[in-house]
Amino acid sequence: MKWKTRVSELMDSEYPIIQAALSRIGNWKLAAAVSETGAHGCLTAAVSLTPEKLRDDIKRCRDATDKPFSVNITVGMCPHIDEMLDVCLDEGIEVIETAAFAGDPYGKRIKEAGRTWVHKTATLRHALHAQKAGADAIIIVGLEGIGFKNVSQLPTMTTIAWAARHIKVPIIAAGGIGDARTFLGALALGAEGVMMGTAFMATRECPISDKFKNRMVKAFPDNPHFRTTVLAPPNPKMYEEVMKKRNEMPLENWLTAMERVMLKHDDWEIAPEMWNEDYDRLSSLMSFAATYVDHIPTVQEFIDNIINGAEEILDSWEFLKR
């Protein structure tokens, strides 16, 4: 069947499946591998570190695939952000994603250049702001996701169904999605595409070590430590302390501290610039999508499993044929 939605049309992809930006991990090789499958790969600009390297990485990605891919520029977590955006526009990147903080000034430049602006957020309130600012599509990450979190985040099911009542532009669901059932579930809730990070980290092409991939294979969502890291609210005292430092620290350092507080890490005061974060620590983070990781496939096998599985499920629903 054809998986045509407004998201697949915006992304110019065969499937409405998008690879998430991954701090220190989302390089051009992974983005190219994802795009080659018919899904949509995303090159994380912060991984390149400099505008010159980003330009080179974009060219390498194009050499590796003739399929479209996007570039993520996360506000406060990407060095040289204005110059990085210049490179994306100069190199003709058609879809540019902003994330974390309001991307309005960058979104304006993206739109003025005639490109597609996608913004990623964690709450309906911020999604409504992005829609008003002119975003062409909005990624909304539910609580089951990992990485930079928001204290007001709600579970993915509630967030997407609620947002579908209020958001008119295409919604891309994220947070705990990692197999055919969660893919179909997100579409049923009102999304027109999904974004996955952890699930792609568990593929052979992802540059993290086998040690961390195997940790995902062995992960269970009811493990107390895992459950607390992903779902539990932050320690109130630590959250209050980091909020007091918001205007005392450079944004790129404060965001690292806030992320660690949200993930219940005691070392939150050790706050390097986000793009210089500890690679092993970031590699060990996983969302509830790890629930569905039972082996380490290639990216092609992973996408095939989702699409074939989704089509088998739909075909098994006899009530749809009446």
Protein backbone atom coordinates (compact mmCIF):
# COMPACT_ATOMS: atom_id res chain seq x y z
CA MET A 1 0.00 0.00 0.00
CA LYS A 2 1.02 3.63 -0.40
CA TRP A 3 1.76 5.41 2.87
CA LYS A 4 0.92 8.87 1.59
CA THR A 5 0.27 11.56 4.21
CA ARG A 6 0.91 15.28 4.41
CA VAL A 7 4.13 14.44 6.25
CA SER A 8 5.45 12.05 3.59
CA GLU A 9 4.62 14.69 0.98
CA LEU A 10 6.42 17.44 2.91
CA MET A 11 9.43 15.21 3.44
CA ASP A 12 9.28 13.80 -0.09
CA SER A 13 9.64 10.30 1.36
CA GLU A 14 7.96 6.98 0.66
CA TYR A 15 7.00 6.45 4.30
CA PRO A 16 5.94 8.98 6.98
CA ILE A 17 8.78 7.86 9.23
CA ILE A 18 11.50 10.29 10.29
CA GLN A 19 14.79 9.72 12.05
CA ALA A 20 15.19 11.92 15.10
CA ALA A 21 18.12 14.24 15.65
CA LEU A 22 20.57 12.54 17.99
CA SER A 23 23.13 14.51 20.00
CA ARG A 24 26.71 13.43 19.20
CA ILE A 25 25.27 10.47 17.23
CA GLY A 26 23.14 11.63 14.28
CA ASN A 27 25.81 11.75 11.59
CA TRP A 28 25.48 11.79 7.80
CA LYS A 29 26.03 8.05 7.50
CA LEU A 30 22.98 7.23 9.62
CA ALA A 31 20.88 9.88 7.86
CA ALA A 32 21.78 8.48 4.44
CA ALA A 33 21.04 4.91 5.53
CA VAL A 34 17.58 5.93 6.77
CA SER A 35 16.72 7.91 3.63
CA GLU A 36 17.78 5.00 1.44
CA THR A 37 14.98 2.88 2.94
CA GLY A 38 12.22 5.27 1.90
CA ALA A 39 11.96 6.79 5.37
CA HIS A 40 13.44 10.26 6.03
CA GLY A 41 16.94 10.67 7.44
CA CYS A 42 18.04 13.64 9.52
CA LEU A 43 21.57 14.98 9.84
CA THR A 44 22.17 16.62 13.24
CA ALA A 45 24.07 19.86 12.62
CA ALA A 46 25.61 19.87 16.11
CA VAL A 47 27.38 16.59 15.32
CA SER A 48 29.34 18.43 12.64
CA LEU A 49 30.47 21.08 15.18
CA THR A 50 31.49 23.69 12.58
CA PRO A 51 29.75 25.20 9.53
CA GLU A 52 32.58 24.01 7.29
CA LYS A 53 32.23 20.43 8.52
CA LEU A 54 28.43 20.60 8.14
CA ARG A 55 28.83 21.63 4.51
CA ASP A 56 31.14 18.68 3.96
CA ASP A 57 28.77 16.30 5.78
CA ILE A 58 25.83 17.44 3.65
CA LYS A 59 27.85 16.72 0.52
CA ARG A 60 28.89 13.31 1.86
CA CYS A 61 25.28 12.48 2.64
CA ARG A 62 24.27 13.43 -0.91
CA ASP A 63 27.03 11.23 -2.29
CA ALA A 64 25.67 8.32 -0.23
CA THR A 65 22.00 8.73 -1.19
CA ASP A 66 19.96 10.50 -3.83
CA LYS A 67 16.95 10.49 -1.48
CA PRO A 68 15.92 13.63 0.46
CA PHE A 69 17.14 14.21 4.01
CA SER A 70 16.76 17.07 6.46
CA VAL A 71 19.05 18.87 8.89
CA ASN A 72 18.28 19.51 12.54
CA ILE A 73 19.37 22.75 14.20
CA THR A 74 18.50 22.62 17.89
CA VAL A 75 18.32 26.04 19.52
CA GLY A 76 20.86 26.33 22.34
CA MET A 77 22.32 22.91 21.57
CA CYS A 78 23.94 23.66 18.22
CA PRO A 79 27.16 25.71 17.96
CA HIS A 80 27.39 28.53 15.41
CA ILE A 81 23.67 28.24 14.85
CA ASP A 82 23.29 31.19 12.44
CA GLU A 83 26.20 30.03 10.32
CA MET A 84 24.89 26.45 10.39
CA LEU A 85 21.57 27.69 9.01
CA ASP A 86 23.42 29.68 6.34
CA VAL A 87 25.08 26.45 5.20
CA CYS A 88 21.75 24.59 5.07
CA LEU A 89 20.22 27.32 2.92
CA ASP A 90 23.31 27.62 0.70
CA GLU A 91 23.38 23.85 0.15
CA GLY A 92 19.72 23.72 -0.81
CA ILE A 93 18.43 21.66 2.11
CA GLU A 94 14.67 21.59 1.57
CA VAL A 95 13.54 20.58 5.08
CA ILE A 96 15.13 22.16 8.16
CA GLU A 97 14.12 21.23 11.69
CA THR A 98 14.45 23.46 14.73
CA ALA A 99 13.93 22.18 18.26
CA ALA A 100 13.94 22.85 22.01
CA PHE A 101 13.56 26.61 22.37
CA ALA A 102 11.32 28.75 20.13
CA GLY A 103 12.72 28.64 16.62
CA ASP A 104 10.83 31.70 15.35
CA PRO A 105 13.76 33.77 13.98
CA TYR A 106 15.25 30.72 12.28
CA GLY A 107 11.88 29.58 11.04
CA LYS A 108 11.32 32.99 9.50
CA ARG A 109 14.58 32.73 7.55
CA ILE A 110 13.74 29.18 6.47
CA LYS A 111 10.31 30.23 5.21
CA GLU A 112 11.66 33.34 3.46
CA ALA A 113 14.08 31.08 1.59
CA GLY A 114 11.15 29.00 0.37
CA ARG A 115 12.08 25.93 2.40
CA THR A 116 10.04 23.71 4.73
CA TRP A 117 10.24 24.51 8.44
CA VAL A 118 9.56 21.75 10.96
CA HIS A 119 9.68 22.53 14.67
CA LYS A 120 9.99 20.00 17.49
CA THR A 121 8.44 20.61 20.89
CA ALA A 122 7.15 18.72 23.92
CA THR A 123 3.89 20.48 24.81
CA LEU A 124 0.71 21.55 23.06
CA ARG A 125 1.25 25.14 24.20
CA HIS A 126 4.58 25.35 22.41
CA ALA A 127 3.17 23.51 19.39
CA LEU A 128 0.44 26.13 19.07
CA HIS A 129 3.09 28.86 19.23
CA ALA A 130 5.09 27.19 16.44
CA GLN A 131 1.96 26.83 14.32
CA LYS A 132 1.20 30.53 14.74
CA ALA A 133 4.80 31.37 13.84
CA GLY A 134 4.42 29.55 10.52
CA ALA A 135 5.87 26.05 11.01
CA ASP A 136 4.90 23.73 8.15
CA ALA A 137 4.76 20.70 10.46
CA ILE A 138 5.24 20.14 14.16
CA ILE A 139 6.92 17.26 15.97
CA ILE A 140 5.46 16.68 19.42
CA VAL A 141 7.42 14.44 21.80
CA GLY A 142 5.50 12.61 24.50
CA LEU A 143 6.79 11.80 27.97
CA GLU A 144 7.96 8.35 26.86
CA GLY A 145 10.69 10.03 24.82
CA ILE A 146 14.21 10.68 26.08
CA GLY A 147 16.70 13.53 25.85
CA PHE A 148 15.77 17.12 26.64
CA LYS A 149 12.46 17.06 28.50
CA ASN A 150 9.85 19.53 29.70
CA VAL A 151 8.36 19.51 33.17
CA SER A 152 4.87 19.88 31.62
CA GLN A 153 5.24 16.93 29.24
CA LEU A 154 2.35 14.45 29.00
CA PRO A 155 2.33 10.86 27.72
CA THR A 156 2.45 10.43 23.96
CA MET A 157 -1.08 9.05 23.63
CA THR A 158 -2.63 11.98 25.49
CA THR A 159 -0.40 14.58 23.84
CA ILE A 160 -1.02 13.54 20.23
CA ALA A 161 -4.78 12.97 20.58
CA TRP A 162 -5.15 16.33 22.33
CA ALA A 163 -2.95 18.14 19.83
CA ALA A 164 -4.91 16.69 16.91
CA ARG A 165 -7.93 18.67 18.12
CA HIS A 166 -6.06 21.96 17.96
CA ILE A 167 -3.19 21.75 15.46
CA LYS A 168 -4.04 22.25 11.79
CA VAL A 169 -0.60 21.66 10.27
CA PRO A 170 0.69 18.06 10.06
CA ILE A 171 1.66 16.49 13.39
CA ILE A 172 4.62 14.15 13.73
CA ALA A 173 4.41 11.98 16.85
CA ALA A 174 7.48 11.03 18.88
CA GLY A 175 8.19 9.44 22.23
CA GLY A 176 8.25 5.68 22.79
CA ILE A 177 7.49 4.73 19.17
CA GLY A 178 9.49 1.80 17.87
CA ASP A 179 7.47 -0.85 16.06
CA ALA A 180 4.53 -1.44 13.71
CA ARG A 181 1.90 -1.19 16.44
CA THR A 182 3.16 2.09 17.89
CA PHE A 183 3.55 3.46 14.34
CA LEU A 184 -0.09 2.66 13.54
CA GLY A 185 -1.19 3.84 16.96
CA ALA A 186 0.36 7.26 16.42
CA LEU A 187 -1.44 7.62 13.08
CA ALA A 188 -4.72 6.58 14.69
CA LEU A 189 -4.24 9.24 17.37
CA GLY A 190 -4.08 11.97 14.73
CA ALA A 191 -0.43 12.19 13.71
CA GLU A 192 0.49 12.02 10.03
CA GLY A 193 3.97 10.71 10.65
CA VAL A 194 6.27 9.46 13.38
CA MET A 195 9.76 10.35 14.52
CA MET A 196 11.98 7.77 16.19
CA GLY A 197 15.32 8.15 17.91
CA THR A 198 16.01 5.26 20.27
CA ALA A 199 14.74 2.69 17.74
CA PHE A 200 17.24 3.93 15.15
CA MET A 201 20.01 3.89 17.76
CA ALA A 202 19.49 0.14 17.98
CA THR A 203 20.34 -0.41 14.31
CA ARG A 204 23.66 -1.63 12.98
CA GLU A 205 24.40 1.63 11.17
CA CYS A 206 24.15 3.76 14.31
CA PRO A 207 27.65 4.72 15.54
CA ILE A 208 27.09 3.87 19.22
CA SER A 209 28.79 0.77 20.59
CA ASP A 210 27.31 -2.73 20.64
CA LYS A 211 27.42 -2.51 24.44
CA PHE A 212 24.72 0.17 24.46
CA LYS A 213 22.72 -1.51 21.69
CA ASN A 214 22.66 -4.75 23.66
CA ARG A 215 21.56 -2.81 26.72
CA MET A 216 18.48 -1.77 24.75
CA VAL A 217 17.78 -5.38 23.78
CA LYS A 218 17.76 -6.29 27.47
CA ALA A 219 15.72 -3.27 28.62
CA PHE A 220 12.23 -3.68 30.07
CA PRO A 221 9.91 -0.70 30.68
CA ASP A 222 8.94 -1.87 34.17
CA ASN A 223 12.55 -1.77 35.36
CA PRO A 224 12.38 0.75 38.26
CA HIS A 225 15.49 2.67 37.22
CA PHE A 226 14.43 2.86 33.57
CA ARG A 227 10.88 3.84 34.49
CA THR A 228 12.06 6.57 36.88
CA THR A 229 14.57 8.02 34.40
CA VAL A 230 12.02 8.33 31.61
CA LEU A 231 8.68 8.93 33.32
CA ALA A 232 9.15 10.33 36.82
CA PRO A 233 9.10 14.10 37.45
CA PRO A 234 12.40 15.71 38.46
CA ASN A 235 13.49 16.18 42.04
CA PRO A 236 11.70 19.43 43.08
CA LYS A 237 14.74 20.81 44.92
CA MET A 238 17.12 20.12 42.02
CA TYR A 239 14.62 21.58 39.54
CA GLU A 240 14.27 24.76 41.63
CA GLU A 241 18.06 25.11 41.88
CA VAL A 242 18.67 24.71 38.15
CA MET A 243 15.87 27.16 37.33
CA LYS A 244 17.55 29.77 39.54
CA LYS A 245 20.68 29.43 37.43
CA ARG A 246 18.88 30.06 34.13
CA ASN A 247 20.16 33.61 33.78
CA GLU A 248 23.53 32.91 35.39
CA MET A 249 24.81 30.32 32.91
CA PRO A 250 25.29 30.37 29.13
CA LEU A 251 22.26 28.77 27.49
CA GLU A 252 24.29 25.90 26.02
CA ASN A 253 25.50 24.96 29.52
CA TRP A 254 22.21 25.56 31.30
CA LEU A 255 20.38 23.28 28.88
CA THR A 256 22.78 20.46 29.71
CA ALA A 257 22.16 21.03 33.42
CA MET A 258 18.40 21.10 32.92
CA GLU A 259 18.44 17.91 30.86
CA ARG A 260 20.36 16.11 33.59
CA VAL A 261 17.92 17.31 36.25
CA MET A 262 14.96 16.14 34.16
CA LEU A 263 16.60 12.73 33.76
CA LYS A 264 17.29 12.52 37.50
CA HIS A 265 21.09 12.64 37.22
CA ASP A 266 22.85 13.87 40.35
CA ASP A 267 25.76 15.37 38.41
CA TRP A 268 23.65 18.14 36.90
CA GLU A 269 26.05 20.87 38.05
CA ILE A 270 28.68 19.40 35.70
CA ALA A 271 27.32 21.17 32.66
CA PRO A 272 29.51 21.21 29.54
CA GLU A 273 28.28 22.80 26.35
CA MET A 274 25.59 20.57 24.93
CA TRP A 275 27.62 19.71 21.84
CA ASN A 276 30.52 18.64 24.07
CA GLU A 277 28.36 16.39 26.23
CA ASP A 278 29.75 13.01 27.25
CA TYR A 279 29.31 10.66 24.29
CA ASP A 280 28.89 7.52 26.39
CA ARG A 281 26.28 9.15 28.62
CA LEU A 282 24.23 10.26 25.62
CA SER A 283 24.64 6.88 23.96
CA SER A 284 23.24 5.15 27.03
CA LEU A 285 20.00 7.16 27.08
CA MET A 286 16.97 5.34 25.75
CA SER A 287 13.26 6.05 25.46
CA PHE A 288 10.44 3.60 26.07
CA ALA A 289 10.91 2.55 22.44
CA ALA A 290 13.57 0.22 23.85
CA THR A 291 10.58 -1.91 24.87
CA TYR A 292 10.36 -3.08 21.25
CA VAL A 293 14.06 -3.68 20.63
CA ASP A 294 14.71 -7.42 20.66
CA HIS A 295 17.61 -7.60 18.20
CA ILE A 296 19.98 -5.31 16.29
CA PRO A 297 18.73 -5.02 12.69
CA THR A 298 20.04 -2.99 9.79
CA VAL A 299 18.13 0.22 9.13
CA GLN A 300 16.58 -1.42 6.06
CA GLU A 301 15.43 -4.43 8.07
CA PHE A 302 14.02 -2.16 10.76
CA ILE A 303 11.93 -0.10 8.32
CA ASP A 304 10.81 -3.20 6.44
CA ASN A 305 9.65 -4.75 9.72
CA ILE A 306 7.59 -1.69 10.60
CA ILE A 307 5.96 -1.29 7.19
CA ASN A 308 5.34 -5.00 6.62
CA GLY A 309 4.11 -5.40 10.17
CA ALA A 310 1.75 -2.44 9.89
CA GLU A 311 0.32 -3.74 6.63
CA GLU A 312 -0.19 -7.21 8.13
CA ILE A 313 -2.02 -5.71 11.10
CA LEU A 314 -4.30 -3.65 8.87
CA ASP A 315 -4.99 -6.67 6.69
CA SER A 316 -5.94 -8.72 9.77
CA TRP A 317 -8.60 -6.22 10.84
CA GLU A 318 -11.64 -7.79 9.22
CA PHE A 319 -13.90 -4.92 10.28
CA LEU A 320 -12.04 -2.65 7.87
CA LYS A 321 -13.10 -4.84 4.95
CA ARG A 322 -16.84 -4.68 5.62
